C-alpha atoms as a PDB file:
ATOM      1  CA  UNK A   1     123.521 107.424  71.253  1.00  0.00           C
ATOM      2  CA  UNK A   2     121.271 109.679  69.132  1.00  0.00           C
ATOM      3  CA  UNK A   3     119.993 108.547  65.871  1.00  0.00           C
ATOM      4  CA  UNK A   4     120.566 110.220  62.380  1.00  0.00           C
ATOM      5  CA  UNK A   5     117.760 110.335  59.901  1.00  0.00           C
ATOM      6  CA  UNK A   6     118.550 111.593  56.577  1.00  0.00           C
ATOM      7  CA  UNK A   7     115.418 112.593  54.433  1.00  0.00           C
ATOM      8  CA  UNK A   8     115.177 114.068  50.898  1.00  0.00           C
ATOM      9  CA  UNK A   9     112.383 113.996  48.449  1.00  0.00           C
ATOM     10  CA  UNK A  10     114.900 112.472  45.966  1.00  0.00           C
ATOM     11  CA  UNK A  11     116.558 109.105  47.133  1.00  0.00           C
ATOM     12  CA  UNK A  12     119.817 109.935  45.215  1.00  0.00           C
ATOM     13  CA  UNK A  13     120.138 113.146  47.512  1.00  0.00           C
ATOM     14  CA  UNK A  14     119.555 111.281  50.572  1.00  0.00           C
ATOM     15  CA  UNK A  15     121.878 108.477  49.609  1.00  0.00           C
ATOM     16  CA  UNK A  16     124.883 111.205  48.824  1.00  0.00           C
ATOM     17  CA  UNK A  17     124.307 112.711  52.151  1.00  0.00           C
ATOM     18  CA  UNK A  18     123.933 109.191  54.008  1.00  0.00           C
ATOM     19  CA  UNK A  19     127.385 108.120  52.218  1.00  0.00           C
ATOM     20  CA  UNK A  20     129.139 111.270  53.252  1.00  0.00           C
ATOM     21  CA  UNK A  21     128.363 110.762  56.836  1.00  0.00           C
ATOM     22  CA  UNK A  22     129.186 107.188  56.886  1.00  0.00           C
ATOM     23  CA  UNK A  23     132.333 108.065  55.211  1.00  0.00           C
ATOM     24  CA  UNK A  24     133.156 110.541  58.316  1.00  0.00           C
ATOM     25  CA  UNK A  25     132.161 107.590  60.769  1.00  0.00           C
ATOM     26  CA  UNK A  26     128.521 108.318  61.591  1.00  0.00           C
ATOM     27  CA  UNK A  27     125.815 106.095  61.822  1.00  0.00           C
ATOM     28  CA  UNK A  28     122.844 106.517  59.697  1.00  0.00           C
ATOM     29  CA  UNK A  29     119.689 105.102  60.895  1.00  0.00           C
ATOM     30  CA  UNK A  30     117.866 105.637  57.931  1.00  0.00           C
ATOM     31  CA  UNK A  31     117.419 107.423  54.599  1.00  0.00           C
ATOM     32  CA  UNK A  32     113.701 108.321  53.969  1.00  0.00           C
ATOM     33  CA  UNK A  33     111.979 110.144  50.956  1.00  0.00           C
ATOM     34  CA  UNK A  34     108.824 111.243  52.748  1.00  0.00           C
ATOM     35  CA  UNK A  35     107.636 113.022  55.802  1.00  0.00           C
ATOM     36  CA  UNK A  36     105.477 110.094  56.988  1.00  0.00           C
ATOM     37  CA  UNK A  37     108.602 107.738  56.917  1.00  0.00           C
ATOM     38  CA  UNK A  38     110.699 110.415  58.861  1.00  0.00           C
ATOM     39  CA  UNK A  39     108.060 110.353  61.336  1.00  0.00           C
ATOM     40  CA  UNK A  40     107.800 106.654  61.661  1.00  0.00           C
ATOM     41  CA  UNK A  41     111.315 106.153  61.991  1.00  0.00           C
ATOM     42  CA  UNK A  42     111.616 109.072  64.536  1.00  0.00           C
ATOM     43  CA  UNK A  43     109.160 107.303  66.577  1.00  0.00           C
ATOM     44  CA  UNK A  44     111.283 104.388  66.837  1.00  0.00           C
ATOM     45  CA  UNK A  45     114.260 106.222  67.882  1.00  0.00           C
ATOM     46  CA  UNK A  46     114.624 107.835  71.263  1.00  0.00           C
ATOM     47  CA  UNK A  47     116.242 110.884  69.849  1.00  0.00           C
ATOM     48  CA  UNK A  48     118.557 112.616  67.274  1.00  0.00           C
ATOM     49  CA  UNK A  49     118.924 114.367  64.355  1.00  0.00           C
ATOM     50  CA  UNK A  50     117.042 114.684  60.994  1.00  0.00           C
ATOM     51  CA  UNK A  51     119.069 116.110  57.845  1.00  0.00           C
ATOM     52  CA  UNK A  52     116.854 116.625  55.311  1.00  0.00           C
ATOM     53  CA  UNK A  53     115.541 119.256  52.379  1.00  0.00           C
ATOM     54  CA  UNK A  54     112.805 121.562  52.943  1.00  0.00           C
ATOM     55  CA  UNK A  55     109.821 119.872  50.881  1.00  0.00           C
ATOM     56  CA  UNK A  56     108.498 116.180  50.513  1.00  0.00           C
ATOM     57  CA  UNK A  57     105.605 115.071  48.339  1.00  0.00           C
ATOM     58  CA  UNK A  58     103.368 114.892  51.649  1.00  0.00           C
ATOM     59  CA  UNK A  59     104.638 117.773  54.011  1.00  0.00           C
ATOM     60  CA  UNK A  60     107.228 120.404  54.501  1.00  0.00           C
ATOM     61  CA  UNK A  61     110.111 120.219  56.525  1.00  0.00           C
ATOM     62  CA  UNK A  62     108.481 122.157  59.558  1.00  0.00           C
ATOM     63  CA  UNK A  63     105.690 119.690  59.501  1.00  0.00           C
ATOM     64  CA  UNK A  64     108.045 117.005  60.283  1.00  0.00           C
ATOM     65  CA  UNK A  65     109.795 119.001  62.781  1.00  0.00           C
ATOM     66  CA  UNK A  66     106.875 119.630  64.639  1.00  0.00           C
ATOM     67  CA  UNK A  67     105.597 115.806  64.454  1.00  0.00           C
ATOM     68  CA  UNK A  68     108.920 114.296  65.379  1.00  0.00           C
ATOM     69  CA  UNK A  69     108.908 115.274  69.376  1.00  0.00           C
ATOM     70  CA  UNK A  70     110.910 117.397  71.464  1.00  0.00           C
ATOM     71  CA  UNK A  71     114.108 115.281  71.242  1.00  0.00           C
ATOM     72  CA  UNK A  72     114.838 115.628  67.876  1.00  0.00           C
ATOM     73  CA  UNK A  73     116.905 118.505  66.139  1.00  0.00           C
ATOM     74  CA  UNK A  74     116.828 119.238  62.430  1.00  0.00           C
ATOM     75  CA  UNK A  75     119.373 120.297  59.948  1.00  0.00           C
ATOM     76  CA  UNK A  76     117.716 121.560  56.701  1.00  0.00           C
ATOM     77  CA  UNK A  77     120.004 121.587  53.739  1.00  0.00           C
ATOM     78  CA  UNK A  78     118.555 123.742  50.719  1.00  0.00           C
ATOM     79  CA  UNK A  79     119.311 126.383  48.381  1.00  0.00           C
ATOM     80  CA  UNK A  80     119.333 129.877  49.647  1.00  0.00           C
ATOM     81  CA  UNK A  81     115.957 130.963  48.152  1.00  0.00           C
ATOM     82  CA  UNK A  82     114.217 128.057  50.213  1.00  0.00           C
ATOM     83  CA  UNK A  83     115.640 128.844  53.545  1.00  0.00           C
ATOM     84  CA  UNK A  84     113.910 131.225  55.644  1.00  0.00           C
ATOM     85  CA  UNK A  85     116.299 132.167  58.390  1.00  0.00           C
ATOM     86  CA  UNK A  86     115.160 131.927  62.150  1.00  0.00           C
ATOM     87  CA  UNK A  87     111.956 130.389  61.509  1.00  0.00           C
ATOM     88  CA  UNK A  88     112.055 127.522  64.132  1.00  0.00           C
ATOM     89  CA  UNK A  89     113.890 126.943  67.230  1.00  0.00           C
ATOM     90  CA  UNK A  90     115.740 123.661  67.094  1.00  0.00           C
ATOM     91  CA  UNK A  91     116.269 123.826  63.396  1.00  0.00           C
ATOM     92  CA  UNK A  92     119.726 124.685  61.901  1.00  0.00           C
ATOM     93  CA  UNK A  93     119.630 125.981  58.167  1.00  0.00           C
ATOM     94  CA  UNK A  94     122.738 125.259  55.661  1.00  0.00           C
ATOM     95  CA  UNK A  95     123.011 126.628  52.483  1.00  0.00           C
ATOM     96  CA  UNK A  96     123.766 124.093  49.423  1.00  0.00           C
ATOM     97  CA  UNK A  97     126.404 123.865  48.296  1.00  0.00           C
ATOM     98  CA  UNK A  98     127.885 123.405  51.796  1.00  0.00           C
ATOM     99  CA  UNK A  99     131.263 123.302  53.085  1.00  0.00           C
ATOM    100  CA  UNK A 100     131.683 119.515  55.005  1.00  0.00           C
ATOM    101  CA  UNK A 101     133.294 120.954  57.943  1.00  0.00           C
ATOM    102  CA  UNK A 102     130.683 123.355  58.925  1.00  0.00           C
ATOM    103  CA  UNK A 103     128.050 120.818  57.969  1.00  0.00           C
ATOM    104  CA  UNK A 104     129.753 118.035  60.071  1.00  0.00           C
ATOM    105  CA  UNK A 105     130.142 120.940  62.995  1.00  0.00           C
ATOM    106  CA  UNK A 106     126.756 121.601  62.949  1.00  0.00           C
ATOM    107  CA  UNK A 107     125.510 118.153  63.001  1.00  0.00           C
ATOM    108  CA  UNK A 108     127.583 117.177  66.018  1.00  0.00           C
ATOM    109  CA  UNK A 109     126.205 120.313  67.853  1.00  0.00           C
ATOM    110  CA  UNK A 110     122.738 119.054  67.137  1.00  0.00           C
ATOM    111  CA  UNK A 111     123.582 115.669  68.282  1.00  0.00           C
ATOM    112  CA  UNK A 112     125.214 116.791  71.583  1.00  0.00           C
ATOM    113  CA  UNK A 113     121.768 119.164  72.198  1.00  0.00           C
ATOM    114  CA  UNK A 114     119.347 116.105  71.458  1.00  0.00           C
ATOM    115  CA  UNK A 115     121.436 113.772  73.647  1.00  0.00           C
ATOM    116  CA  UNK A 116     121.578 116.436  76.497  1.00  0.00           C
ATOM    117  CA  UNK A 117     117.344 117.305  76.209  1.00  0.00           C
ATOM    118  CA  UNK A 118     116.831 113.583  76.271  1.00  0.00           C
ATOM    119  CA  UNK A 119     119.138 112.678  79.134  1.00  0.00           C
ATOM    120  CA  UNK A 120     117.571 115.852  81.080  1.00  0.00           C
ATOM    121  CA  UNK A 121     114.033 114.788  80.620  1.00  0.00           C
ATOM    122  CA  UNK A 122     114.775 111.417  82.397  1.00  0.00           C
ATOM    123  CA  UNK A 123     116.739 112.854  85.259  1.00  0.00           C
ATOM    124  CA  UNK A 124     113.298 113.438  87.296  1.00  0.00           C
ATOM    125  CA  UNK A 125     113.345 111.208  90.118  1.00  0.00           C
ATOM    126  CA  UNK A 126     110.323 109.032  90.822  1.00  0.00           C
ATOM    127  CA  UNK A 127     108.854 109.794  94.380  1.00  0.00           C
ATOM    128  CA  UNK A 128     109.993 107.728  97.127  1.00  0.00           C
ATOM    129  CA  UNK A 129     107.458 105.155  98.632  1.00  0.00           C
ATOM    130  CA  UNK A 130     106.622 105.308 102.297  1.00  0.00           C
ATOM    131  CA  UNK A 131     108.665 102.283 102.929  1.00  0.00           C
ATOM    132  CA  UNK A 132     111.763 104.137 101.376  1.00  0.00           C
ATOM    133  CA  UNK A 133     111.106 107.026 102.993  1.00  0.00           C
ATOM    134  CA  UNK A 134     111.169 105.078 106.550  1.00  0.00           C
ATOM    135  CA  UNK A 135     114.347 103.341 105.723  1.00  0.00           C
ATOM    136  CA  UNK A 136     116.125 106.454 104.936  1.00  0.00           C
ATOM    137  CA  UNK A 137     114.762 107.960 108.282  1.00  0.00           C
ATOM    138  CA  UNK A 138     115.818 104.850 110.111  1.00  0.00           C
ATOM    139  CA  UNK A 139     119.574 105.139 108.719  1.00  0.00           C
ATOM    140  CA  UNK A 140     119.414 108.939 109.623  1.00  0.00           C
ATOM    141  CA  UNK A 141     118.297 108.135 113.272  1.00  0.00           C
ATOM    142  CA  UNK A 142     120.823 105.108 113.646  1.00  0.00           C
ATOM    143  CA  UNK A 143     123.656 107.548 112.555  1.00  0.00           C
ATOM    144  CA  UNK A 144     122.280 110.053 115.041  1.00  0.00           C
ATOM    145  CA  UNK A 145     122.359 107.747 117.856  1.00  0.00           C
ATOM    146  CA  UNK A 146     125.556 106.081 117.114  1.00  0.00           C
ATOM    147  CA  UNK A 147     127.540 108.773 115.689  1.00  0.00           C
ATOM    148  CA  UNK A 148     126.159 111.979 117.786  1.00  0.00           C
ATOM    149  CA  UNK A 149     125.279 113.670 114.584  1.00  0.00           C
ATOM    150  CA  UNK A 150     122.664 116.224 113.791  1.00  0.00           C
ATOM    151  CA  UNK A 151     119.788 115.039 111.427  1.00  0.00           C
ATOM    152  CA  UNK A 152     121.249 117.463 108.814  1.00  0.00           C
ATOM    153  CA  UNK A 153     124.645 115.750 109.238  1.00  0.00           C
ATOM    154  CA  UNK A 154     123.200 112.526 108.759  1.00  0.00           C
ATOM    155  CA  UNK A 155     121.204 113.537 105.769  1.00  0.00           C
ATOM    156  CA  UNK A 156     124.609 114.785 104.223  1.00  0.00           C
ATOM    157  CA  UNK A 157     126.546 111.820 105.237  1.00  0.00           C
ATOM    158  CA  UNK A 158     123.819 109.450 103.559  1.00  0.00           C
ATOM    159  CA  UNK A 159     123.893 111.769 100.472  1.00  0.00           C
ATOM    160  CA  UNK A 160     127.877 111.791 100.118  1.00  0.00           C
ATOM    161  CA  UNK A 161     128.035 107.948 100.471  1.00  0.00           C
ATOM    162  CA  UNK A 162     125.303 107.638  97.926  1.00  0.00           C
ATOM    163  CA  UNK A 163     127.013 109.984  95.515  1.00  0.00           C
ATOM    164  CA  UNK A 164     130.631 108.327  96.116  1.00  0.00           C
ATOM    165  CA  UNK A 165     129.441 104.868  95.833  1.00  0.00           C
ATOM    166  CA  UNK A 166     126.867 105.362  92.876  1.00  0.00           C
ATOM    167  CA  UNK A 167     124.063 103.706  94.767  1.00  0.00           C
ATOM    168  CA  UNK A 168     120.693 105.357  95.418  1.00  0.00           C
ATOM    169  CA  UNK A 169     119.847 106.838  98.770  1.00  0.00           C
ATOM    170  CA  UNK A 170     117.861 103.888  99.926  1.00  0.00           C
ATOM    171  CA  UNK A 171     120.441 101.392  98.842  1.00  0.00           C
ATOM    172  CA  UNK A 172     123.078 103.491 100.911  1.00  0.00           C
ATOM    173  CA  UNK A 173     120.803 103.709 103.750  1.00  0.00           C
ATOM    174  CA  UNK A 174     120.250  99.842 103.691  1.00  0.00           C
ATOM    175  CA  UNK A 175     124.049  99.665 103.662  1.00  0.00           C
ATOM    176  CA  UNK A 176     124.401 101.855 106.553  1.00  0.00           C
ATOM    177  CA  UNK A 177     121.846 100.081 108.572  1.00  0.00           C
ATOM    178  CA  UNK A 178     123.654  96.808 107.941  1.00  0.00           C
ATOM    179  CA  UNK A 179     126.830  97.887 109.099  1.00  0.00           C
ATOM    180  CA  UNK A 180     125.569  99.775 112.164  1.00  0.00           C
ATOM    181  CA  UNK A 181     123.424  96.821 113.426  1.00  0.00           C
ATOM    182  CA  UNK A 182     126.012  94.333 112.693  1.00  0.00           C
ATOM    183  CA  UNK A 183     128.585  95.723 115.223  1.00  0.00           C
END
């Protein structure tokens, strides 16, 4: 689950937003009063949303956004004169005072975006070793020989079994070889 960092230069503003979020059932990882604190906290979380004001003693909200990495979204809360719409992709701007429902809907949307981006980044499979490739090819060869399948049919069969069982292709190939040679 993505983490939520609340950051305002005035500690009381941060506590008010944190209390609102906690009352609505959200878990807030930290309340920060400086950009450096936000960046340090973001480094300890895998992904999430930063809810913040526009300016801190040590940096602006855009500096924080650029330093927190690709897996963090941002909601910037400020008075209309402080918001410059459309500056950054990944930052949602909400005028103060805000409607709680609008704020929570925006937060929920940003949490989903952050989580999807993080999960999508981890879906790049690591390359198979020669041993794993050999095992899959042996399973295909066994299916071709025993069940009179084409190579394409055997490969699709292993893929389908893998998906249905939730096992990796390599684990499925091992199971097929064990079952075919046991008979």
